[in-house]
Amino acid sequence: SQLFNVVLQRRLEPDAITFNAAISACEKGGEWEDALQFFHLMVQGEVEPSVITFTAVISACKKCGKWKQVLKLLDVMLRSKVEPNTITFNAAIGVCRNGVILRSKRTWRSRG
């Protein structure tokens, strides 16, 4: 993404609010990979992710049906001792439910 490249090129040192805004923008634009890149850049820069950060990244992955990434993020979140909230759980449940339904349809089709 252009925004990600600008951050890297200019060697900016954004804070948690800046990262959260960038991740939320990626989520709204359906750019889950960019949201994950910002998340990783945030952690590498030693900026501590909050429940807002995790929820935004999880929501970005949910929007694109990336349930495996959601489960990985939930694991990282819990290991980081960041407490998920209702919005976090709703996003995670939604994408996992859709993933199970999709896998069930594929399994059913392959039998017939």
N, C-alpha and C. Protein backbone atom coordinates (compact mmCIF):
# COMPACT_ATOMS: atom_id res chain seq x y z
N SER A 1 0.83 -1.19 0.00
CA SER A 1 0.00 0.00 0.00
C SER A 1 0.87 1.25 0.00
N GLN A 2 0.34 2.31 -0.51
CA GLN A 2 1.09 3.58 -0.56
C GLN A 2 1.41 4.08 0.85
N LEU A 3 0.44 3.99 1.73
CA LEU A 3 0.63 4.47 3.09
C LEU A 3 1.76 3.72 3.79
N PHE A 4 1.79 2.41 3.63
CA PHE A 4 2.83 1.60 4.24
C PHE A 4 4.20 2.00 3.69
N ASN A 5 4.29 2.20 2.37
CA ASN A 5 5.55 2.60 1.74
C ASN A 5 6.02 3.97 2.23
N VAL A 6 5.11 4.89 2.42
CA VAL A 6 5.46 6.23 2.92
C VAL A 6 6.06 6.12 4.32
N VAL A 7 5.45 5.31 5.17
CA VAL A 7 5.95 5.14 6.54
C VAL A 7 7.38 4.60 6.50
N LEU A 8 7.62 3.59 5.65
CA LEU A 8 8.95 2.99 5.56
C LEU A 8 9.97 3.95 4.96
N GLN A 9 9.60 4.62 3.88
CA GLN A 9 10.53 5.51 3.18
C GLN A 9 10.95 6.71 4.04
N ARG A 10 10.01 7.24 4.73
CA ARG A 10 10.30 8.44 5.53
C ARG A 10 10.81 8.12 6.93
N ARG A 11 10.88 6.83 7.21
CA ARG A 11 11.34 6.37 8.52
C ARG A 11 10.59 7.07 9.66
N LEU A 12 9.29 7.12 9.49
CA LEU A 12 8.45 7.74 10.51
C LEU A 12 8.38 6.85 11.74
N GLU A 13 8.17 7.45 12.87
CA GLU A 13 8.01 6.70 14.11
C GLU A 13 6.63 6.98 14.70
N PRO A 14 5.63 6.33 14.11
CA PRO A 14 4.27 6.57 14.58
C PRO A 14 4.03 5.99 15.98
N ASP A 15 3.04 6.54 16.67
CA ASP A 15 2.66 6.03 17.98
C ASP A 15 1.46 5.10 17.83
N ALA A 16 0.93 4.64 18.95
CA ALA A 16 -0.19 3.69 18.94
C ALA A 16 -1.41 4.27 18.22
N ILE A 17 -1.69 5.54 18.43
CA ILE A 17 -2.85 6.17 17.81
C ILE A 17 -2.70 6.20 16.29
N THR A 18 -1.50 6.52 15.82
CA THR A 18 -1.23 6.55 14.39
C THR A 18 -1.38 5.16 13.77
N PHE A 19 -0.80 4.16 14.43
CA PHE A 19 -0.92 2.79 13.93
C PHE A 19 -2.37 2.33 13.91
N ASN A 20 -3.10 2.61 14.99
CA ASN A 20 -4.50 2.20 15.05
C ASN A 20 -5.32 2.85 13.93
N ALA A 21 -5.05 4.11 13.64
CA ALA A 21 -5.75 4.80 12.56
C ALA A 21 -5.42 4.17 11.20
N ALA A 22 -4.14 3.84 10.99
CA ALA A 22 -3.73 3.23 9.73
C ALA A 22 -4.35 1.84 9.57
N ILE A 23 -4.34 1.06 10.64
CA ILE A 23 -4.93 -0.28 10.60
C ILE A 23 -6.42 -0.20 10.36
N SER A 24 -7.09 0.73 11.01
CA SER A 24 -8.54 0.91 10.80
C SER A 24 -8.84 1.32 9.37
N ALA A 25 -8.00 2.17 8.80
CA ALA A 25 -8.19 2.57 7.40
C ALA A 25 -8.04 1.36 6.48
N CYS A 26 -7.06 0.52 6.77
CA CYS A 26 -6.88 -0.71 5.98
C CYS A 26 -8.10 -1.62 6.10
N GLU A 27 -8.63 -1.72 7.30
CA GLU A 27 -9.82 -2.55 7.53
C GLU A 27 -10.99 -2.04 6.71
N LYS A 28 -11.21 -0.76 6.73
CA LYS A 28 -12.33 -0.18 5.98
C LYS A 28 -12.15 -0.34 4.47
N GLY A 29 -10.90 -0.37 4.02
CA GLY A 29 -10.62 -0.55 2.59
C GLY A 29 -10.47 -1.99 2.16
N GLY A 30 -10.64 -2.93 3.10
CA GLY A 30 -10.51 -4.34 2.77
C GLY A 30 -9.08 -4.78 2.50
N GLU A 31 -8.13 -4.07 3.06
CA GLU A 31 -6.70 -4.35 2.85
C GLU A 31 -6.12 -5.09 4.05
N TRP A 32 -6.52 -6.34 4.23
CA TRP A 32 -6.11 -7.11 5.40
C TRP A 32 -4.60 -7.31 5.47
N GLU A 33 -3.95 -7.49 4.32
CA GLU A 33 -2.50 -7.70 4.32
C GLU A 33 -1.76 -6.45 4.81
N ASP A 34 -2.24 -5.29 4.38
CA ASP A 34 -1.63 -4.03 4.84
C ASP A 34 -1.88 -3.84 6.33
N ALA A 35 -3.07 -4.21 6.80
CA ALA A 35 -3.36 -4.11 8.23
C ALA A 35 -2.38 -4.97 9.03
N LEU A 36 -2.11 -6.18 8.54
CA LEU A 36 -1.15 -7.06 9.22
C LEU A 36 0.27 -6.48 9.17
N GLN A 37 0.62 -5.88 8.04
CA GLN A 37 1.95 -5.26 7.92
C GLN A 37 2.11 -4.13 8.94
N PHE A 38 1.09 -3.31 9.06
CA PHE A 38 1.15 -2.23 10.06
C PHE A 38 1.23 -2.79 11.47
N PHE A 39 0.48 -3.86 11.72
CA PHE A 39 0.51 -4.49 13.04
C PHE A 39 1.93 -4.99 13.34
N HIS A 40 2.56 -5.68 12.39
CA HIS A 40 3.91 -6.20 12.60
C HIS A 40 4.93 -5.06 12.75
N LEU A 41 4.75 -4.02 11.95
CA LEU A 41 5.63 -2.84 12.06
C LEU A 41 5.48 -2.21 13.45
N MET A 42 4.27 -2.18 13.94
CA MET A 42 3.99 -1.62 15.26
C MET A 42 4.74 -2.41 16.34
N VAL A 43 4.62 -3.74 16.29
CA VAL A 43 5.25 -4.58 17.29
C VAL A 43 6.78 -4.49 17.18
N GLN A 44 7.30 -4.47 15.95
CA GLN A 44 8.75 -4.37 15.74
C GLN A 44 9.28 -3.03 16.27
N GLY A 45 8.45 -2.01 16.17
CA GLY A 45 8.84 -0.69 16.65
C GLY A 45 8.63 -0.52 18.14
N GLU A 46 8.28 -1.60 18.78
CA GLU A 46 8.06 -1.62 20.23
C GLU A 46 6.95 -0.70 20.69
N VAL A 47 5.95 -0.55 19.84
CA VAL A 47 4.73 0.16 20.23
C VAL A 47 3.74 -0.91 20.65
N GLU A 48 3.24 -0.81 21.85
CA GLU A 48 2.39 -1.85 22.40
C GLU A 48 0.98 -1.81 21.82
N PRO A 49 0.55 -2.92 21.19
CA PRO A 49 -0.82 -2.96 20.66
C PRO A 49 -1.84 -3.07 21.79
N SER A 50 -2.98 -2.43 21.57
CA SER A 50 -4.07 -2.45 22.55
C SER A 50 -5.22 -3.30 22.02
N VAL A 51 -6.27 -3.37 22.79
CA VAL A 51 -7.46 -4.09 22.34
C VAL A 51 -8.00 -3.44 21.06
N ILE A 52 -7.85 -2.14 20.94
CA ILE A 52 -8.30 -1.43 19.73
C ILE A 52 -7.49 -1.89 18.52
N THR A 53 -6.18 -2.03 18.71
CA THR A 53 -5.31 -2.49 17.63
C THR A 53 -5.69 -3.89 17.18
N PHE A 54 -5.76 -4.81 18.13
CA PHE A 54 -6.08 -6.19 17.80
C PHE A 54 -7.45 -6.30 17.14
N THR A 55 -8.42 -5.57 17.66
CA THR A 55 -9.77 -5.63 17.09
C THR A 55 -9.79 -5.11 15.66
N ALA A 56 -9.05 -4.05 15.39
CA ALA A 56 -8.99 -3.51 14.03
C ALA A 56 -8.35 -4.50 13.06
N VAL A 57 -7.25 -5.14 13.48
CA VAL A 57 -6.59 -6.11 12.60
C VAL A 57 -7.49 -7.33 12.40
N ILE A 58 -8.10 -7.81 13.48
CA ILE A 58 -9.01 -8.95 13.38
C ILE A 58 -10.19 -8.61 12.47
N SER A 59 -10.72 -7.42 12.59
CA SER A 59 -11.83 -6.99 11.73
C SER A 59 -11.41 -6.91 10.27
N ALA A 60 -10.19 -6.46 10.01
CA ALA A 60 -9.68 -6.41 8.63
C ALA A 60 -9.59 -7.81 8.05
N CYS A 61 -9.09 -8.75 8.84
CA CYS A 61 -8.99 -10.14 8.37
C CYS A 61 -10.38 -10.76 8.21
N LYS A 62 -11.28 -10.42 9.11
CA LYS A 62 -12.65 -10.94 9.04
C LYS A 62 -13.32 -10.50 7.75
N LYS A 63 -13.14 -9.24 7.44
CA LYS A 63 -13.79 -8.67 6.26
C LYS A 63 -13.41 -9.43 4.98
N CYS A 64 -12.22 -10.01 4.97
CA CYS A 64 -11.72 -10.74 3.80
C CYS A 64 -11.77 -12.25 4.00
N GLY A 65 -12.42 -12.70 5.08
CA GLY A 65 -12.61 -14.13 5.31
C GLY A 65 -11.35 -14.88 5.73
N LYS A 66 -10.40 -14.21 6.31
CA LYS A 66 -9.12 -14.82 6.68
C LYS A 66 -9.17 -15.35 8.11
N TRP A 67 -9.91 -16.45 8.30
CA TRP A 67 -10.15 -16.97 9.64
C TRP A 67 -8.90 -17.53 10.29
N LYS A 68 -7.96 -18.08 9.52
CA LYS A 68 -6.72 -18.59 10.12
C LYS A 68 -5.91 -17.45 10.74
N GLN A 69 -5.86 -16.31 10.05
CA GLN A 69 -5.15 -15.16 10.60
C GLN A 69 -5.83 -14.65 11.86
N VAL A 70 -7.16 -14.70 11.87
CA VAL A 70 -7.90 -14.26 13.05
C VAL A 70 -7.54 -15.12 14.25
N LEU A 71 -7.49 -16.43 14.06
CA LEU A 71 -7.15 -17.31 15.16
C LEU A 71 -5.72 -17.07 15.65
N LYS A 72 -4.80 -16.82 14.72
CA LYS A 72 -3.41 -16.52 15.11
C LYS A 72 -3.36 -15.21 15.91
N LEU A 73 -4.11 -14.22 15.45
CA LEU A 73 -4.13 -12.93 16.16
C LEU A 73 -4.73 -13.06 17.55
N LEU A 74 -5.78 -13.85 17.69
CA LEU A 74 -6.36 -14.08 19.02
C LEU A 74 -5.34 -14.73 19.94
N ASP A 75 -4.57 -15.67 19.41
CA ASP A 75 -3.54 -16.32 20.20
C ASP A 75 -2.48 -15.30 20.65
N VAL A 76 -2.02 -14.48 19.72
CA VAL A 76 -1.03 -13.44 20.06
C VAL A 76 -1.62 -12.48 21.09
N MET A 77 -2.86 -12.14 20.90
CA MET A 77 -3.54 -11.21 21.81
C MET A 77 -3.55 -11.76 23.24
N LEU A 78 -3.94 -13.02 23.36
CA LEU A 78 -4.01 -13.62 24.70
C LEU A 78 -2.63 -13.79 25.32
N ARG A 79 -1.63 -14.16 24.51
CA ARG A 79 -0.26 -14.28 25.02
C ARG A 79 0.29 -12.91 25.43
N SER A 80 -0.20 -11.86 24.79
CA SER A 80 0.24 -10.50 25.13
C SER A 80 -0.50 -9.94 26.33
N LYS A 81 -1.41 -10.74 26.84
CA LYS A 81 -2.23 -10.35 28.00
C LYS A 81 -3.10 -9.12 27.72
N VAL A 82 -3.54 -9.01 26.46
CA VAL A 82 -4.50 -7.96 26.10
C VAL A 82 -5.88 -8.60 26.14
N GLU A 83 -6.77 -8.03 26.90
CA GLU A 83 -8.10 -8.58 27.12
C GLU A 83 -9.02 -8.27 25.93
N PRO A 84 -9.51 -9.32 25.23
CA PRO A 84 -10.47 -9.07 24.14
C PRO A 84 -11.77 -8.48 24.69
N ASN A 85 -12.46 -7.71 23.87
CA ASN A 85 -13.76 -7.18 24.28
C ASN A 85 -14.86 -7.79 23.40
N THR A 86 -16.07 -7.36 23.59
CA THR A 86 -17.21 -7.91 22.85
C THR A 86 -17.03 -7.74 21.35
N ILE A 87 -16.53 -6.60 20.92
CA ILE A 87 -16.34 -6.35 19.49
C ILE A 87 -15.31 -7.31 18.92
N THR A 88 -14.24 -7.55 19.67
CA THR A 88 -13.20 -8.49 19.25
C THR A 88 -13.80 -9.88 19.06
N PHE A 89 -14.53 -10.34 20.06
CA PHE A 89 -15.13 -11.67 20.01
C PHE A 89 -16.15 -11.79 18.87
N ASN A 90 -16.95 -10.75 18.69
CA ASN A 90 -17.94 -10.80 17.60
C ASN A 90 -17.27 -10.93 16.23
N ALA A 91 -16.19 -10.19 16.02
CA ALA A 91 -15.47 -10.29 14.75
C ALA A 91 -14.88 -11.68 14.57
N ALA A 92 -14.29 -12.21 15.64
CA ALA A 92 -13.67 -13.54 15.56
C ALA A 92 -14.72 -14.62 15.33
N ILE A 93 -15.81 -14.55 16.03
CA ILE A 93 -16.88 -15.55 15.88
C ILE A 93 -17.44 -15.50 14.47
N GLY A 94 -17.66 -14.30 13.96
CA GLY A 94 -18.22 -14.15 12.62
C GLY A 94 -17.35 -14.77 11.54
N VAL A 95 -16.06 -14.52 11.58
CA VAL A 95 -15.18 -15.07 10.53
C VAL A 95 -15.01 -16.57 10.70
N CYS A 96 -14.94 -17.06 11.92
CA CYS A 96 -14.78 -18.50 12.13
C CYS A 96 -16.04 -19.24 11.72
N ARG A 97 -17.20 -18.67 12.00
CA ARG A 97 -18.46 -19.28 11.57
C ARG A 97 -18.50 -19.38 10.05
N ASN A 98 -18.11 -18.31 9.39
CA ASN A 98 -18.10 -18.32 7.92
C ASN A 98 -17.08 -19.33 7.38
N GLY A 99 -15.94 -19.47 8.05
CA GLY A 99 -14.94 -20.44 7.63
C GLY A 99 -15.43 -21.87 7.77
N VAL A 100 -16.13 -22.16 8.84
CA VAL A 100 -16.68 -23.50 9.05
C VAL A 100 -17.74 -23.80 8.00
N ILE A 101 -18.61 -22.84 7.72
CA ILE A 101 -19.66 -23.03 6.72
C ILE A 101 -19.03 -23.29 5.35
N LEU A 102 -18.03 -22.52 4.99
CA LEU A 102 -17.37 -22.68 3.70
C LEU A 102 -16.70 -24.04 3.60
N ARG A 103 -15.99 -24.45 4.65
CA ARG A 103 -15.34 -25.77 4.63
C ARG A 103 -16.37 -26.88 4.54
N SER A 104 -17.50 -26.73 5.24
CA SER A 104 -18.55 -27.74 5.20
C SER A 104 -19.11 -27.87 3.79
N LYS A 105 -19.32 -26.74 3.11
CA LYS A 105 -19.82 -26.77 1.74
C LYS A 105 -18.84 -27.48 0.82
N ARG A 106 -17.56 -27.20 0.97
CA ARG A 106 -16.53 -27.84 0.14
C ARG A 106 -16.50 -29.34 0.39
N THR A 107 -16.56 -29.75 1.65
CA THR A 107 -16.55 -31.16 1.99
C THR A 107 -17.77 -31.85 1.40
N TRP A 108 -18.94 -31.22 1.52
CA TRP A 108 -20.17 -31.79 1.00
C TRP A 108 -20.09 -31.95 -0.51
N ARG A 109 -19.60 -30.95 -1.22
CA ARG A 109 -19.47 -31.01 -2.67
C ARG A 109 -18.50 -32.11 -3.11
N SER A 110 -17.42 -32.30 -2.37
CA SER A 110 -16.42 -33.29 -2.77
C SER A 110 -16.94 -34.72 -2.59
N ARG A 111 -17.94 -34.90 -1.78
CA ARG A 111 -18.54 -36.24 -1.58
C ARG A 111 -19.48 -36.61 -2.72
N GLY A 112 -20.08 -35.60 -3.34
CA GLY A 112 -21.10 -35.87 -4.35
C GLY A 112 -20.51 -35.97 -5.68
